[in-house]
């Protein structure tokens, strides 16, 4: 499902010339669902992601989420 979403959204972004350079998703991705009550918080997180990344790397945040919520890593055996 994520492959389809990434492909279709890349096509749409490039077709509508929403970026100066060709838009491409990174090879890896991480997806979780959130409840409707958390949408404003998620939107704020996305808006401030660049500043957020200066304080914490994606890998650090990913590791924290895995530990906090007991997710299983895809590379775990």
Protein backbone atom coordinates (compact mmCIF):
# COMPACT_ATOMS: atom_id res chain seq x y z
CA UNK A 1 0.00 0.00 0.00
CA UNK A 2 2.82 2.43 0.87
CA UNK A 3 4.51 1.73 -2.47
CA UNK A 4 1.32 2.77 -4.27
CA UNK A 5 0.89 5.91 -2.15
CA UNK A 6 4.52 6.92 -2.69
CA UNK A 7 4.35 6.29 -6.43
CA UNK A 8 1.06 8.07 -7.02
CA UNK A 9 1.98 11.04 -4.85
CA UNK A 10 5.37 11.44 -6.56
CA UNK A 11 3.68 11.36 -9.96
CA UNK A 12 1.09 13.95 -8.88
CA UNK A 13 3.67 16.28 -7.31
CA UNK A 14 5.89 16.16 -10.41
CA UNK A 15 2.96 16.44 -12.86
CA UNK A 16 1.76 19.57 -11.04
CA UNK A 17 5.32 20.96 -10.75
CA UNK A 18 5.01 21.53 -7.01
CA UNK A 19 8.77 21.38 -6.53
CA UNK A 20 11.61 22.98 -8.48
CA UNK A 21 13.55 19.72 -8.64
CA UNK A 22 12.06 16.33 -9.46
CA UNK A 23 10.35 15.01 -6.32
CA UNK A 24 11.40 11.56 -5.14
CA UNK A 25 10.67 9.73 -1.92
CA UNK A 26 13.54 8.20 0.00
CA UNK A 27 13.94 4.43 -0.39
CA UNK A 28 12.89 3.62 3.16
CA UNK A 29 9.82 4.75 5.05
CA UNK A 30 8.03 4.34 8.34
CA UNK A 31 4.28 4.53 8.69
CA UNK A 32 1.91 4.39 11.64
CA UNK A 33 -1.69 5.41 12.04
CA UNK A 34 -2.94 8.05 14.44
CA UNK A 35 -6.34 8.80 15.86
CA UNK A 36 -8.34 11.74 14.56
CA UNK A 37 -7.86 13.52 17.89
CA UNK A 38 -4.10 13.69 17.18
CA UNK A 39 -4.31 15.22 13.68
CA UNK A 40 -3.45 18.77 14.76
CA UNK A 41 -0.42 17.50 16.66
CA UNK A 42 0.74 15.47 13.65
CA UNK A 43 0.29 18.44 11.31
CA UNK A 44 2.35 20.62 13.67
CA UNK A 45 5.05 17.94 13.78
CA UNK A 46 5.20 17.82 9.97
CA UNK A 47 5.34 21.62 9.66
CA UNK A 48 8.26 21.76 12.13
CA UNK A 49 10.06 18.61 10.98
CA UNK A 50 13.13 20.43 9.63
CA UNK A 51 13.76 22.16 12.98
CA UNK A 52 12.92 18.93 14.81
CA UNK A 53 15.59 17.03 12.84
CA UNK A 54 18.24 19.45 14.10
CA UNK A 55 17.53 18.21 17.64
CA UNK A 56 16.97 14.53 16.97
CA UNK A 57 17.81 12.33 13.99
CA UNK A 58 15.25 10.14 12.30
CA UNK A 59 17.11 7.07 13.60
CA UNK A 60 16.98 8.34 17.20
CA UNK A 61 13.27 9.05 16.94
CA UNK A 62 12.61 5.73 15.21
CA UNK A 63 14.45 3.82 17.96
CA UNK A 64 12.45 5.67 20.63
CA UNK A 65 9.12 4.81 18.94
CA UNK A 66 10.10 1.17 18.59
CA UNK A 67 10.97 0.96 22.28
CA UNK A 68 8.05 3.07 23.56
CA UNK A 69 5.29 1.24 21.68
CA UNK A 70 6.84 -2.21 21.35
CA UNK A 71 6.89 -2.20 17.55
CA UNK A 72 8.76 -4.98 15.82
CA UNK A 73 11.50 -3.91 13.44
CA UNK A 74 11.35 -5.36 9.95
CA UNK A 75 15.01 -6.35 10.24
CA UNK A 76 14.43 -8.23 13.51
CA UNK A 77 14.51 -12.00 13.25
